[in-house]
PDB file of N, CA and C in Angstrom:
ATOM      1  N   ASP A   1     106.844 165.874 118.391  1.00  0.00           N
ATOM      2  CA  ASP A   1     107.689 166.818 117.694  1.00  0.00           C
ATOM      3  C   ASP A   1     106.797 167.708 116.829  1.00  0.00           C
ATOM      4  N   GLY A   2     106.794 168.948 117.117  1.00  0.00           N
ATOM      5  CA  GLY A   2     105.956 169.878 116.375  1.00  0.00           C
ATOM      6  C   GLY A   2     105.318 170.864 117.315  1.00  0.00           C
ATOM      7  N   TYR A   3     104.351 171.547 116.802  1.00  0.00           N
ATOM      8  CA  TYR A   3     103.687 172.589 117.574  1.00  0.00           C
ATOM      9  C   TYR A   3     102.236 172.230 117.823  1.00  0.00           C
ATOM     10  N   PHE A   4     101.707 172.735 118.903  1.00  0.00           N
ATOM     11  CA  PHE A   4     100.333 172.476 119.314  1.00  0.00           C
ATOM     12  C   PHE A   4      99.595 173.809 119.362  1.00  0.00           C
ATOM     13  N   TYR A   5      98.541 173.950 118.551  1.00  0.00           N
ATOM     14  CA  TYR A   5      97.721 175.168 118.538  1.00  0.00           C
ATOM     15  C   TYR A   5      96.270 174.765 118.744  1.00  0.00           C
ATOM     16  N   GLN A   6      95.582 175.481 119.609  1.00  0.00           N
ATOM     17  CA  GLN A   6      94.200 175.126 119.922  1.00  0.00           C
ATOM     18  C   GLN A   6      93.412 176.388 120.251  1.00  0.00           C
ATOM     19  N   VAL A   7      92.156 176.407 119.826  1.00  0.00           N
ATOM     20  CA  VAL A   7      91.213 177.457 120.216  1.00  0.00           C
ATOM     21  C   VAL A   7      90.081 176.764 120.960  1.00  0.00           C
ATOM     22  N   VAL A   8      89.790 177.233 122.155  1.00  0.00           N
ATOM     23  CA  VAL A   8      88.737 176.641 122.984  1.00  0.00           C
ATOM     24  C   VAL A   8      87.655 177.684 123.192  1.00  0.00           C
ATOM     25  N   ARG A   9      86.438 177.356 122.776  1.00  0.00           N
ATOM     26  CA  ARG A   9      85.290 178.251 122.946  1.00  0.00           C
ATOM     27  C   ARG A   9      84.356 177.638 123.975  1.00  0.00           C
ATOM     28  N   GLN A  10      83.969 178.455 124.944  1.00  0.00           N
ATOM     29  CA  GLN A  10      83.102 177.968 126.014  1.00  0.00           C
ATOM     30  C   GLN A  10      81.946 178.930 126.237  1.00  0.00           C
ATOM     31  N   CYS A  11      80.809 178.364 126.539  1.00  0.00           N
ATOM     32  CA  CYS A  11      79.670 179.136 127.029  1.00  0.00           C
ATOM     33  C   CYS A  11      79.415 178.654 128.454  1.00  0.00           C
ATOM     34  N   ARG A  12      79.457 179.559 129.381  1.00  0.00           N
ATOM     35  CA  ARG A  12      79.191 179.212 130.781  1.00  0.00           C
ATOM     36  C   ARG A  12      77.851 179.809 131.168  1.00  0.00           C
ATOM     37  N   TYR A  13      76.952 178.944 131.599  1.00  0.00           N
ATOM     38  CA  TYR A  13      75.596 179.342 131.951  1.00  0.00           C
ATOM     39  C   TYR A  13      75.434 179.303 133.466  1.00  0.00           C
ATOM     40  N   SER A  14      74.934 180.381 134.039  1.00  0.00           N
ATOM     41  CA  SER A  14      74.697 180.379 135.489  1.00  0.00           C
ATOM     42  C   SER A  14      73.205 180.294 135.809  1.00  0.00           C
ATOM     43  N   SER A  15      72.350 180.491 134.797  1.00  0.00           N
ATOM     44  CA  SER A  15      70.907 180.367 134.995  1.00  0.00           C
ATOM     45  C   SER A  15      70.234 180.134 133.646  1.00  0.00           C
ATOM     46  N   LYS A  16      68.986 179.703 133.674  1.00  0.00           N
ATOM     47  CA  LYS A  16      68.271 179.421 132.437  1.00  0.00           C
ATOM     48  C   LYS A  16      67.657 180.665 131.792  1.00  0.00           C
ATOM     49  N   ASP A  17      67.731 181.814 132.449  1.00  0.00           N
ATOM     50  CA  ASP A  17      67.096 183.009 131.881  1.00  0.00           C
ATOM     51  C   ASP A  17      67.965 183.714 130.845  1.00  0.00           C
ATOM     52  N   LEU A  18      69.117 183.159 130.506  1.00  0.00           N
ATOM     53  CA  LEU A  18      70.044 183.670 129.493  1.00  0.00           C
ATOM     54  C   LEU A  18      70.697 184.996 129.876  1.00  0.00           C
ATOM     55  N   GLN A  19      70.517 185.454 131.090  1.00  0.00           N
ATOM     56  CA  GLN A  19      71.159 186.702 131.519  1.00  0.00           C
ATOM     57  C   GLN A  19      72.556 186.450 132.066  1.00  0.00           C
ATOM     58  N   GLY A  20      72.798 185.280 132.594  1.00  0.00           N
ATOM     59  CA  GLY A  20      74.074 184.987 133.227  1.00  0.00           C
ATOM     60  C   GLY A  20      75.010 184.187 132.343  1.00  0.00           C
ATOM     61  N   ILE A  21      74.983 184.417 131.042  1.00  0.00           N
ATOM     62  CA  ILE A  21      75.837 183.661 130.135  1.00  0.00           C
ATOM     63  C   ILE A  21      77.168 184.383 129.968  1.00  0.00           C
ATOM     64  N   GLU A  22      78.232 183.604 129.964  1.00  0.00           N
ATOM     65  CA  GLU A  22      79.570 184.133 129.751  1.00  0.00           C
ATOM     66  C   GLU A  22      80.201 183.367 128.595  1.00  0.00           C
ATOM     67  N   PHE A  23      80.722 184.093 127.610  1.00  0.00           N
ATOM     68  CA  PHE A  23      81.404 183.486 126.471  1.00  0.00           C
ATOM     69  C   PHE A  23      82.907 183.684 126.652  1.00  0.00           C
ATOM     70  N   ILE A  24      83.661 182.589 126.529  1.00  0.00           N
ATOM     71  CA  ILE A  24      85.115 182.641 126.670  1.00  0.00           C
ATOM     72  C   ILE A  24      85.742 181.984 125.442  1.00  0.00           C
ATOM     73  N   ASP A  25      86.671 182.709 124.826  1.00  0.00           N
ATOM     74  CA  ASP A  25      87.391 182.225 123.652  1.00  0.00           C
ATOM     75  C   ASP A  25      88.880 182.256 123.994  1.00  0.00           C
ATOM     76  N   SER A  26      89.479 181.083 124.166  1.00  0.00           N
ATOM     77  CA  SER A  26      90.875 180.981 124.591  1.00  0.00           C
ATOM     78  C   SER A  26      91.746 180.490 123.445  1.00  0.00           C
ATOM     79  N   TYR A  27      92.913 181.091 123.301  1.00  0.00           N
ATOM     80  CA  TYR A  27      93.881 180.707 122.282  1.00  0.00           C
ATOM     81  C   TYR A  27      95.103 180.128 122.982  1.00  0.00           C
ATOM     82  N   VAL A  28      95.476 178.905 122.586  1.00  0.00           N
ATOM     83  CA  VAL A  28      96.520 178.142 123.263  1.00  0.00           C
ATOM     84  C   VAL A  28      97.596 177.756 122.247  1.00  0.00           C
ATOM     85  N   PHE A  29      98.845 177.964 122.637  1.00  0.00           N
ATOM     86  CA  PHE A  29      99.974 177.532 121.813  1.00  0.00           C
ATOM     87  C   PHE A  29     100.925 176.746 122.705  1.00  0.00           C
ATOM     88  N   ASN A  30     101.224 175.529 122.279  1.00  0.00           N
ATOM     89  CA  ASN A  30     102.084 174.620 123.054  1.00  0.00           C
ATOM     90  C   ASN A  30     101.625 174.506 124.510  1.00  0.00           C
ATOM     91  N   GLN A  31     100.357 174.306 124.682  1.00  0.00           N
ATOM     92  CA  GLN A  31      99.688 174.062 125.960  1.00  0.00           C
ATOM     93  C   GLN A  31      99.720 175.248 126.919  1.00  0.00           C
ATOM     94  N   ALA A  32     100.011 176.442 126.419  1.00  0.00           N
ATOM     95  CA  ALA A  32      99.989 177.644 127.248  1.00  0.00           C
ATOM     96  C   ALA A  32      99.005 178.648 126.640  1.00  0.00           C
ATOM     97  N   GLU A  33      98.024 179.027 127.428  1.00  0.00           N
ATOM     98  CA  GLU A  33      97.062 180.019 126.946  1.00  0.00           C
ATOM     99  C   GLU A  33      97.776 181.359 126.838  1.00  0.00           C
ATOM    100  N   TYR A  34      97.693 181.975 125.649  1.00  0.00           N
ATOM    101  CA  TYR A  34      98.389 183.239 125.465  1.00  0.00           C
ATOM    102  C   TYR A  34      97.459 184.426 125.298  1.00  0.00           C
ATOM    103  N   ILE A  35      96.204 184.185 124.963  1.00  0.00           N
ATOM    104  CA  ILE A  35      95.235 185.275 124.845  1.00  0.00           C
ATOM    105  C   ILE A  35      93.838 184.726 125.074  1.00  0.00           C
ATOM    106  N   ARG A  36      92.975 185.570 125.660  1.00  0.00           N
ATOM    107  CA  ARG A  36      91.598 185.145 125.942  1.00  0.00           C
ATOM    108  C   ARG A  36      90.651 186.325 125.750  1.00  0.00           C
ATOM    109  N   PHE A  37      89.493 186.005 125.156  1.00  0.00           N
ATOM    110  CA  PHE A  37      88.385 186.954 125.139  1.00  0.00           C
ATOM    111  C   PHE A  37      87.360 186.454 126.142  1.00  0.00           C
ATOM    112  N   ASN A  38      86.883 187.346 126.985  1.00  0.00           N
ATOM    113  CA  ASN A  38      85.852 187.013 127.958  1.00  0.00           C
ATOM    114  C   ASN A  38      84.741 188.051 127.797  1.00  0.00           C
ATOM    115  N   SER A  39      83.520 187.590 127.534  1.00  0.00           N
ATOM    116  CA  SER A  39      82.417 188.528 127.291  1.00  0.00           C
ATOM    117  C   SER A  39      82.092 189.361 128.524  1.00  0.00           C
ATOM    118  N   THR A  40      82.377 188.863 129.706  1.00  0.00           N
ATOM    119  CA  THR A  40      82.143 189.630 130.924  1.00  0.00           C
ATOM    120  C   THR A  40      83.114 190.816 131.005  1.00  0.00           C
ATOM    121  N   VAL A  41      84.363 190.581 130.622  1.00  0.00           N
ATOM    122  CA  VAL A  41      85.370 191.638 130.592  1.00  0.00           C
ATOM    123  C   VAL A  41      85.132 192.550 129.384  1.00  0.00           C
ATOM    124  N   GLY A  42      84.713 191.957 128.262  1.00  0.00           N
ATOM    125  CA  GLY A  42      84.388 192.716 127.061  1.00  0.00           C
ATOM    126  C   GLY A  42      85.565 193.061 126.182  1.00  0.00           C
ATOM    127  N   LYS A  43      86.687 192.364 126.373  1.00  0.00           N
ATOM    128  CA  LYS A  43      87.857 192.612 125.532  1.00  0.00           C
ATOM    129  C   LYS A  43      88.809 191.431 125.611  1.00  0.00           C
ATOM    130  N   PHE A  44      89.822 191.453 124.742  1.00  0.00           N
ATOM    131  CA  PHE A  44      90.877 190.445 124.770  1.00  0.00           C
ATOM    132  C   PHE A  44      91.879 190.799 125.857  1.00  0.00           C
ATOM    133  N   VAL A  45      92.410 189.762 126.510  1.00  0.00           N
ATOM    134  CA  VAL A  45      93.447 189.937 127.523  1.00  0.00           C
ATOM    135  C   VAL A  45      94.587 188.993 127.161  1.00  0.00           C
ATOM    136  N   GLY A  46      95.804 189.513 127.113  1.00  0.00           N
ATOM    137  CA  GLY A  46      96.970 188.711 126.792  1.00  0.00           C
ATOM    138  C   GLY A  46      97.664 188.218 128.048  1.00  0.00           C
ATOM    139  N   TYR A  47      98.223 186.997 127.975  1.00  0.00           N
ATOM    140  CA  TYR A  47      98.900 186.391 129.118  1.00  0.00           C
ATOM    141  C   TYR A  47     100.391 186.181 128.884  1.00  0.00           C
ATOM    142  N   THR A  48     100.842 186.385 127.663  1.00  0.00           N
ATOM    143  CA  THR A  48     102.262 186.298 127.334  1.00  0.00           C
ATOM    144  C   THR A  48     102.625 187.572 126.579  1.00  0.00           C
ATOM    145  N   GLU A  49     103.896 187.748 126.302  1.00  0.00           N
ATOM    146  CA  GLU A  49     104.318 188.935 125.549  1.00  0.00           C
ATOM    147  C   GLU A  49     103.610 188.988 124.198  1.00  0.00           C
ATOM    148  N   HIS A  50     103.587 187.866 123.509  1.00  0.00           N
ATOM    149  CA  HIS A  50     102.904 187.783 122.215  1.00  0.00           C
ATOM    150  C   HIS A  50     101.399 188.021 122.375  1.00  0.00           C
ATOM    151  N   GLY A  51     100.814 187.448 123.414  1.00  0.00           N
ATOM    152  CA  GLY A  51      99.384 187.615 123.666  1.00  0.00           C
ATOM    153  C   GLY A  51      99.004 189.046 123.983  1.00  0.00           C
ATOM    154  N   VAL A  52      99.835 189.748 124.735  1.00  0.00           N
ATOM    155  CA  VAL A  52      99.562 191.149 125.075  1.00  0.00           C
ATOM    156  C   VAL A  52      99.567 192.004 123.809  1.00  0.00           C
ATOM    157  N   LYS A  53     100.537 191.762 122.926  1.00  0.00           N
ATOM    158  CA  LYS A  53     100.598 192.510 121.661  1.00  0.00           C
ATOM    159  C   LYS A  53      99.369 192.235 120.798  1.00  0.00           C
ATOM    160  N   ASN A  54      98.984 190.970 120.704  1.00  0.00           N
ATOM    161  CA  ASN A  54      97.783 190.629 119.938  1.00  0.00           C
ATOM    162  C   ASN A  54      96.538 191.243 120.555  1.00  0.00           C
ATOM    163  N   ALA A  55      96.430 191.191 121.871  1.00  0.00           N
ATOM    164  CA  ALA A  55      95.258 191.741 122.558  1.00  0.00           C
ATOM    165  C   ALA A  55      95.113 193.234 122.265  1.00  0.00           C
ATOM    166  N   GLU A  56      96.219 193.958 122.317  1.00  0.00           N
ATOM    167  CA  GLU A  56      96.173 195.391 122.025  1.00  0.00           C
ATOM    168  C   GLU A  56      95.676 195.645 120.606  1.00  0.00           C
ATOM    169  N   ALA A  57      96.185 194.890 119.648  1.00  0.00           N
ATOM    170  CA  ALA A  57      95.778 195.055 118.251  1.00  0.00           C
ATOM    171  C   ALA A  57      94.330 194.615 118.032  1.00  0.00           C
ATOM    172  N   TRP A  58      93.963 193.462 118.573  1.00  0.00           N
ATOM    173  CA  TRP A  58      92.617 192.926 118.358  1.00  0.00           C
ATOM    174  C   TRP A  58      91.552 193.773 119.038  1.00  0.00           C
ATOM    175  N   ASN A  59      91.879 194.403 120.163  1.00  0.00           N
ATOM    176  CA  ASN A  59      90.901 195.262 120.846  1.00  0.00           C
ATOM    177  C   ASN A  59      90.638 196.553 120.076  1.00  0.00           C
ATOM    178  N   LYS A  60      91.517 196.897 119.143  1.00  0.00           N
ATOM    179  CA  LYS A  60      91.347 198.099 118.323  1.00  0.00           C
ATOM    180  C   LYS A  60      90.798 197.774 116.939  1.00  0.00           C
ATOM    181  N   GLY A  61      90.740 196.510 116.588  1.00  0.00           N
ATOM    182  CA  GLY A  61      90.351 196.112 115.240  1.00  0.00           C
ATOM    183  C   GLY A  61      88.986 195.452 115.178  1.00  0.00           C
ATOM    184  N   PRO A  62      88.658 194.906 114.013  1.00  0.00           N
ATOM    185  CA  PRO A  62      87.347 194.269 113.815  1.00  0.00           C
ATOM    186  C   PRO A  62      87.173 192.976 114.602  1.00  0.00           C
ATOM    187  N   GLU A  63      88.261 192.405 115.082  1.00  0.00           N
ATOM    188  CA  GLU A  63      88.185 191.155 115.857  1.00  0.00           C
ATOM    189  C   GLU A  63      87.331 191.318 117.113  1.00  0.00           C
ATOM    190  N   LEU A  64      87.403 192.487 117.731  1.00  0.00           N
ATOM    191  CA  LEU A  64      86.633 192.720 118.959  1.00  0.00           C
ATOM    192  C   LEU A  64      85.136 192.693 118.674  1.00  0.00           C
ATOM    193  N   ALA A  65      84.707 193.337 117.593  1.00  0.00           N
ATOM    194  CA  ALA A  65      83.283 193.354 117.242  1.00  0.00           C
ATOM    195  C   ALA A  65      82.774 191.940 116.963  1.00  0.00           C
ATOM    196  N   VAL A  66      83.587 191.136 116.314  1.00  0.00           N
ATOM    197  CA  VAL A  66      83.211 189.742 116.031  1.00  0.00           C
ATOM    198  C   VAL A  66      83.012 188.980 117.335  1.00  0.00           C
ATOM    199  N   GLU A  67      83.963 189.113 118.253  1.00  0.00           N
ATOM    200  CA  GLU A  67      83.859 188.396 119.526  1.00  0.00           C
ATOM    201  C   GLU A  67      82.669 188.861 120.355  1.00  0.00           C
ATOM    202  N   LEU A  68      82.393 190.153 120.345  1.00  0.00           N
ATOM    203  CA  LEU A  68      81.255 190.670 121.107  1.00  0.00           C
ATOM    204  C   LEU A  68      79.941 190.083 120.596  1.00  0.00           C
ATOM    205  N   GLY A  69      79.865 189.759 119.313  1.00  0.00           N
ATOM    206  CA  GLY A  69      78.664 189.158 118.739  1.00  0.00           C
ATOM    207  C   GLY A  69      78.524 187.673 118.993  1.00  0.00           C
ATOM    208  N   GLU A  70      79.604 187.021 119.407  1.00  0.00           N
ATOM    209  CA  GLU A  70      79.568 185.578 119.608  1.00  0.00           C
ATOM    210  C   GLU A  70      78.699 185.152 120.792  1.00  0.00           C
ATOM    211  N   LEU A  71      78.590 185.985 121.789  1.00  0.00           N
ATOM    212  CA  LEU A  71      77.726 185.652 122.927  1.00  0.00           C
ATOM    213  C   LEU A  71      76.301 185.420 122.435  1.00  0.00           C
ATOM    214  N   GLU A  72      75.831 186.301 121.590  1.00  0.00           N
ATOM    215  CA  GLU A  72      74.477 186.194 121.042  1.00  0.00           C
ATOM    216  C   GLU A  72      74.378 185.052 120.028  1.00  0.00           C
ATOM    217  N   ARG A  73      75.317 185.014 119.089  1.00  0.00           N
ATOM    218  CA  ARG A  73      75.256 184.056 117.991  1.00  0.00           C
ATOM    219  C   ARG A  73      75.559 182.630 118.437  1.00  0.00           C
ATOM    220  N   PHE A  74      76.561 182.456 119.256  1.00  0.00           N
ATOM    221  CA  PHE A  74      77.037 181.118 119.615  1.00  0.00           C
ATOM    222  C   PHE A  74      76.388 180.595 120.890  1.00  0.00           C
ATOM    223  N   CYS A  75      76.383 181.388 121.947  1.00  0.00           N
ATOM    224  CA  CYS A  75      75.898 180.905 123.246  1.00  0.00           C
ATOM    225  C   CYS A  75      74.377 180.938 123.364  1.00  0.00           C
ATOM    226  N   LYS A  76      73.793 182.095 123.145  1.00  0.00           N
ATOM    227  CA  LYS A  76      72.342 182.206 123.326  1.00  0.00           C
ATOM    228  C   LYS A  76      71.589 181.377 122.301  1.00  0.00           C
ATOM    229  N   HIS A  77      72.118 181.280 121.092  1.00  0.00           N
ATOM    230  CA  HIS A  77      71.476 180.484 120.048  1.00  0.00           C
ATOM    231  C   HIS A  77      71.459 179.000 120.415  1.00  0.00           C
ATOM    232  N   ASN A  78      72.532 178.518 121.030  1.00  0.00           N
ATOM    233  CA  ASN A  78      72.641 177.097 121.370  1.00  0.00           C
ATOM    234  C   ASN A  78      72.177 176.758 122.782  1.00  0.00           C
ATOM    235  N   ALA A  79      71.758 177.735 123.550  1.00  0.00           N
ATOM    236  CA  ALA A  79      71.344 177.504 124.934  1.00  0.00           C
ATOM    237  C   ALA A  79      70.239 176.453 125.058  1.00  0.00           C
ATOM    238  N   PRO A  80      69.182 176.491 124.248  1.00  0.00           N
ATOM    239  CA  PRO A  80      68.139 175.452 124.392  1.00  0.00           C
ATOM    240  C   PRO A  80      68.678 174.043 124.191  1.00  0.00           C
ATOM    241  N   ILE A  81      69.615 173.882 123.283  1.00  0.00           N
ATOM    242  CA  ILE A  81      70.233 172.566 123.035  1.00  0.00           C
ATOM    243  C   ILE A  81      71.064 172.159 124.245  1.00  0.00           C
ATOM    244  N   ASP A  82      71.856 173.098 124.751  1.00  0.00           N
ATOM    245  CA  ASP A  82      72.707 172.785 125.906  1.00  0.00           C
ATOM    246  C   ASP A  82      71.872 172.458 127.142  1.00  0.00           C
ATOM    247  N   TYR A  83      70.791 173.185 127.367  1.00  0.00           N
ATOM    248  CA  TYR A  83      69.947 172.935 128.539  1.00  0.00           C
ATOM    249  C   TYR A  83      69.207 171.608 128.435  1.00  0.00           C
ATOM    250  N   SER A  84      68.874 171.170 127.236  1.00  0.00           N
ATOM    251  CA  SER A  84      68.137 169.926 127.072  1.00  0.00           C
ATOM    252  C   SER A  84      69.029 168.693 127.220  1.00  0.00           C
ATOM    253  N   ALA A  85      70.339 168.870 127.113  1.00  0.00           N
ATOM    254  CA  ALA A  85      71.267 167.736 127.169  1.00  0.00           C
ATOM    255  C   ALA A  85      71.485 167.257 128.590  1.00  0.00           C
TER     256      ALA A  85
END
């Protein structure tokens, strides 16, 4: 009884040269993904009515710049740790 909210951040590596890294930030409410940022696409994409509205707003605001920096800050910074595991 209640609500389920989750943010899932992923770094997907296709090679060790750090060129093929993809950062994905997914927002989930009640087990349904409603919005996602994908560094390959370079913007937020909404999957529900609420997600589409948020995506439009976030793609015009400071949220987009923050997400674009996460590939460098979060994925590339942690790549040596992930590769060694």
